[in-house]
Amino acid sequence: MTEYITVAQVDQLLGTGWEGSGDKSLAVEQANAYLNTLAFKAWEAQPDSVTRAGAELAKEAAAGRLYEDSEGALKRKRVKADTVESEKEYQDGAQARSGALQFIDALLSPWLIKRTATAILARL
């Protein structure tokens, strides 16, 4: 597994206490695992935005928000006032995205290889 971020780098970028009550080492390991699932463009030296994204991922992981359970996006909600009734239906495969994860996506976006159907067909 490629190591995109270290505990020392996260400490330098985010300062002390970024982990809250979480485990620093586990948080950095989860951040690296997340980054290893992505297809990056080639670079000579790791871009600062990728390192920053790794630090932000570690912070999210330490808080238990990187690999958390999710109810997903709400497809339908029904509420009945008299004799109290409530019903929620979620979209299949939908997952909530926090503002922090959207920021991380923005940091990583310039460095990600965009997979399209055309590119896949061209490779065949």
N, C-alpha and C. Protein backbone atom coordinates (compact mmCIF):
# COMPACT_ATOMS: atom_id res chain seq x y z
N MET A 1 0.85 -1.17 0.00
CA MET A 1 0.00 0.00 0.00
C MET A 1 0.90 1.24 0.00
N THR A 2 0.59 2.16 -0.88
CA THR A 2 1.33 3.42 -0.95
C THR A 2 0.99 4.29 0.25
N GLU A 3 2.01 4.92 0.82
CA GLU A 3 1.80 5.81 1.96
C GLU A 3 1.79 7.25 1.45
N TYR A 4 0.61 7.84 1.40
CA TYR A 4 0.44 9.21 0.92
C TYR A 4 0.60 10.23 2.03
N ILE A 5 0.35 9.81 3.27
CA ILE A 5 0.37 10.73 4.41
C ILE A 5 0.91 9.98 5.63
N THR A 6 1.60 10.70 6.51
CA THR A 6 2.11 10.11 7.74
C THR A 6 1.54 10.88 8.93
N VAL A 7 1.66 10.31 10.10
CA VAL A 7 1.20 10.98 11.33
C VAL A 7 1.94 12.30 11.50
N ALA A 8 3.26 12.30 11.23
CA ALA A 8 4.06 13.53 11.39
C ALA A 8 3.56 14.63 10.44
N GLN A 9 3.21 14.26 9.21
CA GLN A 9 2.71 15.25 8.26
C GLN A 9 1.36 15.83 8.70
N VAL A 10 0.50 14.96 9.22
CA VAL A 10 -0.81 15.44 9.69
C VAL A 10 -0.62 16.37 10.88
N ASP A 11 0.26 16.00 11.79
CA ASP A 11 0.56 16.86 12.94
C ASP A 11 1.06 18.23 12.47
N GLN A 12 1.91 18.23 11.45
CA GLN A 12 2.46 19.49 10.94
C GLN A 12 1.38 20.34 10.27
N LEU A 13 0.51 19.70 9.48
CA LEU A 13 -0.52 20.45 8.75
C LEU A 13 -1.68 20.90 9.62
N LEU A 14 -2.10 20.05 10.55
CA LEU A 14 -3.31 20.34 11.34
C LEU A 14 -3.04 20.72 12.78
N GLY A 15 -1.79 20.58 13.22
CA GLY A 15 -1.45 20.90 14.60
C GLY A 15 -1.80 19.78 15.55
N THR A 16 -1.45 19.97 16.79
CA THR A 16 -1.70 18.94 17.79
C THR A 16 -3.18 18.89 18.13
N GLY A 17 -3.63 17.71 18.49
CA GLY A 17 -5.02 17.54 18.91
C GLY A 17 -6.00 17.28 17.78
N TRP A 18 -5.52 17.17 16.53
CA TRP A 18 -6.42 16.94 15.40
C TRP A 18 -7.19 15.63 15.53
N GLU A 19 -6.62 14.68 16.26
CA GLU A 19 -7.24 13.36 16.37
C GLU A 19 -8.35 13.30 17.41
N GLY A 20 -8.50 14.34 18.23
CA GLY A 20 -9.53 14.31 19.28
C GLY A 20 -9.32 13.10 20.17
N SER A 21 -10.33 12.27 20.32
CA SER A 21 -10.19 11.06 21.14
C SER A 21 -9.89 9.84 20.28
N GLY A 22 -9.62 10.06 18.97
CA GLY A 22 -9.34 8.96 18.05
C GLY A 22 -7.89 8.51 18.11
N ASP A 23 -7.60 7.44 17.41
CA ASP A 23 -6.27 6.85 17.34
C ASP A 23 -5.56 7.41 16.10
N LYS A 24 -4.46 8.15 16.31
CA LYS A 24 -3.73 8.78 15.21
C LYS A 24 -3.29 7.76 14.15
N SER A 25 -2.66 6.69 14.61
CA SER A 25 -2.10 5.70 13.68
C SER A 25 -3.20 5.05 12.83
N LEU A 26 -4.29 4.69 13.46
CA LEU A 26 -5.41 4.08 12.73
C LEU A 26 -6.02 5.08 11.76
N ALA A 27 -6.15 6.31 12.19
CA ALA A 27 -6.73 7.35 11.33
C ALA A 27 -5.89 7.56 10.08
N VAL A 28 -4.58 7.60 10.23
CA VAL A 28 -3.68 7.77 9.09
C VAL A 28 -3.71 6.53 8.20
N GLU A 29 -3.79 5.36 8.80
CA GLU A 29 -3.90 4.12 8.02
C GLU A 29 -5.18 4.12 7.19
N GLN A 30 -6.29 4.57 7.78
CA GLN A 30 -7.55 4.63 7.04
C GLN A 30 -7.49 5.67 5.93
N ALA A 31 -6.84 6.80 6.18
CA ALA A 31 -6.68 7.83 5.15
C ALA A 31 -5.88 7.28 3.98
N ASN A 32 -4.80 6.58 4.27
CA ASN A 32 -4.00 5.98 3.21
C ASN A 32 -4.76 4.90 2.46
N ALA A 33 -5.55 4.12 3.17
CA ALA A 33 -6.37 3.09 2.51
C ALA A 33 -7.36 3.74 1.54
N TYR A 34 -7.97 4.84 1.97
CA TYR A 34 -8.91 5.57 1.12
C TYR A 34 -8.21 6.08 -0.13
N LEU A 35 -7.05 6.71 0.05
CA LEU A 35 -6.30 7.27 -1.08
C LEU A 35 -5.82 6.18 -2.03
N ASN A 36 -5.54 4.99 -1.51
CA ASN A 36 -5.09 3.89 -2.35
C ASN A 36 -6.19 3.32 -3.24
N THR A 37 -7.43 3.69 -2.99
CA THR A 37 -8.53 3.22 -3.84
C THR A 37 -8.71 4.11 -5.07
N LEU A 38 -7.98 5.22 -5.13
CA LEU A 38 -8.13 6.19 -6.21
C LEU A 38 -7.07 6.00 -7.29
N ALA A 39 -7.38 6.38 -8.51
CA ALA A 39 -6.43 6.32 -9.62
C ALA A 39 -5.92 7.74 -9.87
N PHE A 40 -4.65 7.96 -9.54
CA PHE A 40 -4.06 9.29 -9.68
C PHE A 40 -3.30 9.42 -10.98
N LYS A 41 -3.23 10.66 -11.50
CA LYS A 41 -2.37 10.97 -12.63
C LYS A 41 -0.92 10.87 -12.14
N ALA A 42 -0.01 10.73 -13.07
CA ALA A 42 1.41 10.63 -12.70
C ALA A 42 1.93 11.97 -12.21
N TRP A 43 2.83 11.92 -11.24
CA TRP A 43 3.49 13.13 -10.75
C TRP A 43 4.91 12.78 -10.36
N GLU A 44 5.79 13.79 -10.38
CA GLU A 44 7.17 13.56 -9.95
C GLU A 44 7.26 13.63 -8.44
N ALA A 45 6.63 14.63 -7.86
CA ALA A 45 6.56 14.78 -6.40
C ALA A 45 5.08 14.90 -6.04
N GLN A 46 4.70 14.29 -4.93
CA GLN A 46 3.30 14.33 -4.53
C GLN A 46 2.82 15.76 -4.37
N PRO A 47 1.72 16.12 -5.02
CA PRO A 47 1.18 17.48 -4.91
C PRO A 47 0.76 17.82 -3.48
N ASP A 48 0.91 19.07 -3.12
CA ASP A 48 0.52 19.53 -1.78
C ASP A 48 -0.96 19.29 -1.52
N SER A 49 -1.79 19.42 -2.55
CA SER A 49 -3.23 19.22 -2.35
C SER A 49 -3.56 17.77 -2.00
N VAL A 50 -2.79 16.82 -2.50
CA VAL A 50 -3.00 15.41 -2.16
C VAL A 50 -2.58 15.16 -0.71
N THR A 51 -1.48 15.77 -0.31
CA THR A 51 -1.02 15.65 1.08
C THR A 51 -2.04 16.27 2.01
N ARG A 52 -2.55 17.46 1.66
CA ARG A 52 -3.57 18.13 2.48
C ARG A 52 -4.84 17.29 2.56
N ALA A 53 -5.24 16.71 1.43
CA ALA A 53 -6.43 15.84 1.42
C ALA A 53 -6.21 14.65 2.33
N GLY A 54 -5.01 14.09 2.33
CA GLY A 54 -4.69 12.97 3.22
C GLY A 54 -4.82 13.36 4.68
N ALA A 55 -4.37 14.57 5.01
CA ALA A 55 -4.48 15.06 6.39
C ALA A 55 -5.95 15.23 6.78
N GLU A 56 -6.74 15.79 5.87
CA GLU A 56 -8.17 15.99 6.15
C GLU A 56 -8.87 14.64 6.27
N LEU A 57 -8.48 13.67 5.46
CA LEU A 57 -9.06 12.32 5.57
C LEU A 57 -8.72 11.70 6.92
N ALA A 58 -7.49 11.88 7.38
CA ALA A 58 -7.08 11.35 8.68
C ALA A 58 -7.92 11.98 9.80
N LYS A 59 -8.15 13.28 9.70
CA LYS A 59 -8.97 13.97 10.70
C LYS A 59 -10.40 13.40 10.71
N GLU A 60 -10.96 13.19 9.52
CA GLU A 60 -12.30 12.60 9.43
C GLU A 60 -12.32 11.18 9.99
N ALA A 61 -11.28 10.42 9.69
CA ALA A 61 -11.19 9.05 10.19
C ALA A 61 -11.09 9.01 11.71
N ALA A 62 -10.29 9.92 12.28
CA ALA A 62 -10.13 9.97 13.74
C ALA A 62 -11.45 10.29 14.43
N ALA A 63 -12.29 11.08 13.75
CA ALA A 63 -13.59 11.45 14.32
C ALA A 63 -14.65 10.38 14.03
N GLY A 64 -14.28 9.34 13.30
CA GLY A 64 -15.22 8.26 13.01
C GLY A 64 -16.17 8.58 11.86
N ARG A 65 -15.79 9.56 11.03
CA ARG A 65 -16.69 9.96 9.95
C ARG A 65 -16.26 9.49 8.57
N LEU A 66 -15.07 8.89 8.45
CA LEU A 66 -14.61 8.47 7.12
C LEU A 66 -15.27 7.16 6.69
N TYR A 67 -15.27 6.21 7.56
CA TYR A 67 -15.88 4.91 7.27
C TYR A 67 -17.05 4.66 8.22
N GLU A 68 -18.01 5.56 8.21
CA GLU A 68 -19.16 5.43 9.10
C GLU A 68 -20.33 4.81 8.36
N ASP A 69 -21.25 4.26 9.11
CA ASP A 69 -22.48 3.75 8.53
C ASP A 69 -23.31 4.93 8.04
N SER A 70 -24.06 4.70 6.99
CA SER A 70 -24.85 5.78 6.40
C SER A 70 -26.25 5.27 6.08
N GLU A 71 -27.23 6.12 6.33
CA GLU A 71 -28.60 5.78 5.96
C GLU A 71 -28.83 6.02 4.48
N GLY A 72 -28.06 6.88 3.87
CA GLY A 72 -28.21 7.18 2.45
C GLY A 72 -29.15 8.34 2.21
N ALA A 73 -29.39 8.63 0.93
CA ALA A 73 -30.25 9.74 0.54
C ALA A 73 -31.71 9.36 0.65
N LEU A 74 -32.47 10.28 1.14
CA LEU A 74 -33.90 10.07 1.32
C LEU A 74 -34.61 10.13 -0.02
N LYS A 75 -35.35 9.08 -0.33
CA LYS A 75 -36.12 9.03 -1.57
C LYS A 75 -37.55 9.50 -1.33
N ARG A 76 -38.10 9.07 -0.19
CA ARG A 76 -39.49 9.43 0.12
C ARG A 76 -39.64 9.43 1.63
N LYS A 77 -40.42 10.41 2.12
CA LYS A 77 -40.72 10.48 3.55
C LYS A 77 -42.21 10.73 3.70
N ARG A 78 -42.85 9.97 4.56
CA ARG A 78 -44.27 10.13 4.79
C ARG A 78 -44.51 10.34 6.27
N VAL A 79 -45.25 11.37 6.60
CA VAL A 79 -45.57 11.67 8.00
C VAL A 79 -47.08 11.83 8.11
N LYS A 80 -47.67 11.21 9.11
CA LYS A 80 -49.11 11.32 9.34
C LYS A 80 -49.30 11.85 10.76
N ALA A 81 -50.04 12.92 10.93
CA ALA A 81 -50.15 13.58 12.23
C ALA A 81 -51.10 12.87 13.19
N ASP A 82 -52.29 12.53 12.75
CA ASP A 82 -53.26 11.90 13.65
C ASP A 82 -52.95 10.41 13.74
N THR A 83 -52.86 9.89 14.90
CA THR A 83 -52.44 8.52 15.23
C THR A 83 -50.99 8.27 14.81
N VAL A 84 -50.20 9.28 14.78
CA VAL A 84 -48.76 9.33 14.52
C VAL A 84 -48.22 8.18 13.67
N GLU A 85 -47.76 8.52 12.50
CA GLU A 85 -47.16 7.56 11.58
C GLU A 85 -46.00 8.24 10.88
N SER A 86 -44.90 7.55 10.70
CA SER A 86 -43.74 8.09 10.01
C SER A 86 -43.13 6.99 9.15
N GLU A 87 -42.68 7.34 7.97
CA GLU A 87 -42.10 6.36 7.06
C GLU A 87 -41.01 7.05 6.26
N LYS A 88 -39.88 6.39 6.10
CA LYS A 88 -38.77 6.92 5.30
C LYS A 88 -38.32 5.84 4.32
N GLU A 89 -38.05 6.24 3.09
CA GLU A 89 -37.51 5.33 2.09
C GLU A 89 -36.27 5.98 1.50
N TYR A 90 -35.17 5.23 1.50
CA TYR A 90 -33.89 5.76 1.02
C TYR A 90 -33.58 5.23 -0.37
N GLN A 91 -32.85 6.02 -1.15
CA GLN A 91 -32.46 5.62 -2.49
C GLN A 91 -31.44 4.49 -2.40
N ASP A 92 -31.53 3.55 -3.30
CA ASP A 92 -30.61 2.42 -3.32
C ASP A 92 -29.19 2.91 -3.61
N GLY A 93 -28.24 2.48 -2.79
CA GLY A 93 -26.84 2.81 -2.99
C GLY A 93 -26.46 4.24 -2.66
N ALA A 94 -27.37 5.03 -2.14
CA ALA A 94 -27.08 6.43 -1.85
C ALA A 94 -26.29 6.54 -0.54
N GLN A 95 -25.35 7.48 -0.50
CA GLN A 95 -24.58 7.74 0.70
C GLN A 95 -24.48 9.23 0.93
N ALA A 96 -24.54 9.60 2.18
CA ALA A 96 -24.41 11.02 2.54
C ALA A 96 -22.96 11.45 2.39
N ARG A 97 -22.72 12.70 1.98
CA ARG A 97 -21.37 13.24 1.83
C ARG A 97 -21.27 14.49 2.70
N SER A 98 -20.35 14.46 3.63
CA SER A 98 -20.16 15.62 4.51
C SER A 98 -19.46 16.74 3.74
N GLY A 99 -19.53 17.92 4.31
CA GLY A 99 -18.83 19.06 3.73
C GLY A 99 -17.33 18.82 3.68
N ALA A 100 -16.79 18.16 4.70
CA ALA A 100 -15.35 17.87 4.74
C ALA A 100 -14.96 16.95 3.59
N LEU A 101 -15.78 15.93 3.31
CA LEU A 101 -15.47 15.02 2.21
C LEU A 101 -15.61 15.71 0.86
N GLN A 102 -16.50 16.66 0.75
CA GLN A 102 -16.62 17.43 -0.49
C GLN A 102 -15.37 18.30 -0.69
N PHE A 103 -14.83 18.86 0.39
CA PHE A 103 -13.59 19.63 0.33
C PHE A 103 -12.43 18.72 -0.11
N ILE A 104 -12.37 17.53 0.45
CA ILE A 104 -11.34 16.57 0.08
C ILE A 104 -11.45 16.21 -1.40
N ASP A 105 -12.66 15.99 -1.87
CA ASP A 105 -12.88 15.71 -3.29
C ASP A 105 -12.36 16.85 -4.17
N ALA A 106 -12.58 18.07 -3.73
CA ALA A 106 -12.12 19.23 -4.50
C ALA A 106 -10.58 19.30 -4.53
N LEU A 107 -9.94 18.95 -3.42
CA LEU A 107 -8.48 18.94 -3.37
C LEU A 107 -7.90 17.87 -4.31
N LEU A 108 -8.56 16.73 -4.36
CA LEU A 108 -8.05 15.60 -5.15
C LEU A 108 -8.42 15.66 -6.63
N SER A 109 -9.48 16.34 -6.94
CA SER A 109 -10.03 16.34 -8.30
C SER A 109 -9.02 16.59 -9.42
N PRO A 110 -8.13 17.57 -9.30
CA PRO A 110 -7.19 17.81 -10.41
C PRO A 110 -6.21 16.65 -10.65
N TRP A 111 -6.04 15.79 -9.68
CA TRP A 111 -5.05 14.73 -9.77
C TRP A 111 -5.64 13.36 -10.05
N LEU A 112 -6.95 13.28 -10.14
CA LEU A 112 -7.60 11.99 -10.38
C LEU A 112 -7.76 11.71 -11.86
N ILE A 113 -7.56 10.46 -12.23
CA ILE A 113 -7.82 10.04 -13.60
C ILE A 113 -9.31 9.82 -13.71
N LYS A 114 -9.92 10.52 -14.64
CA LYS A 114 -11.37 10.40 -14.85
C LYS A 114 -11.63 9.20 -15.75
N ARG A 115 -12.38 8.25 -15.27
CA ARG A 115 -12.73 7.07 -16.06
C ARG A 115 -14.04 7.33 -16.78
N THR A 116 -14.02 7.15 -18.07
CA THR A 116 -15.25 7.30 -18.86
C THR A 116 -15.43 6.05 -19.70
N ALA A 117 -16.62 5.86 -20.19
CA ALA A 117 -16.91 4.71 -21.04
C ALA A 117 -16.05 4.77 -22.30
N THR A 118 -15.83 5.95 -22.83
CA THR A 118 -15.04 6.11 -24.03
C THR A 118 -13.59 5.66 -23.78
N ALA A 119 -13.03 6.05 -22.65
CA ALA A 119 -11.66 5.68 -22.33
C ALA A 119 -11.54 4.17 -22.15
N ILE A 120 -12.52 3.56 -21.55
CA ILE A 120 -12.48 2.11 -21.34
C ILE A 120 -12.58 1.40 -22.67
N LEU A 121 -13.45 1.84 -23.55
CA LEU A 121 -13.60 1.24 -24.88
C LEU A 121 -12.33 1.43 -25.70
N ALA A 122 -11.69 2.57 -25.57
CA ALA A 122 -10.46 2.85 -26.31
C ALA A 122 -9.36 1.90 -25.90
N ARG A 123 -9.35 1.48 -24.65
CA ARG A 123 -8.32 0.57 -24.16
C ARG A 123 -8.55 -0.85 -24.66
N LEU A 124 -9.79 -1.19 -24.97
CA LEU A 124 -10.08 -2.53 -25.47
C LEU A 124 -9.64 -2.62 -26.89
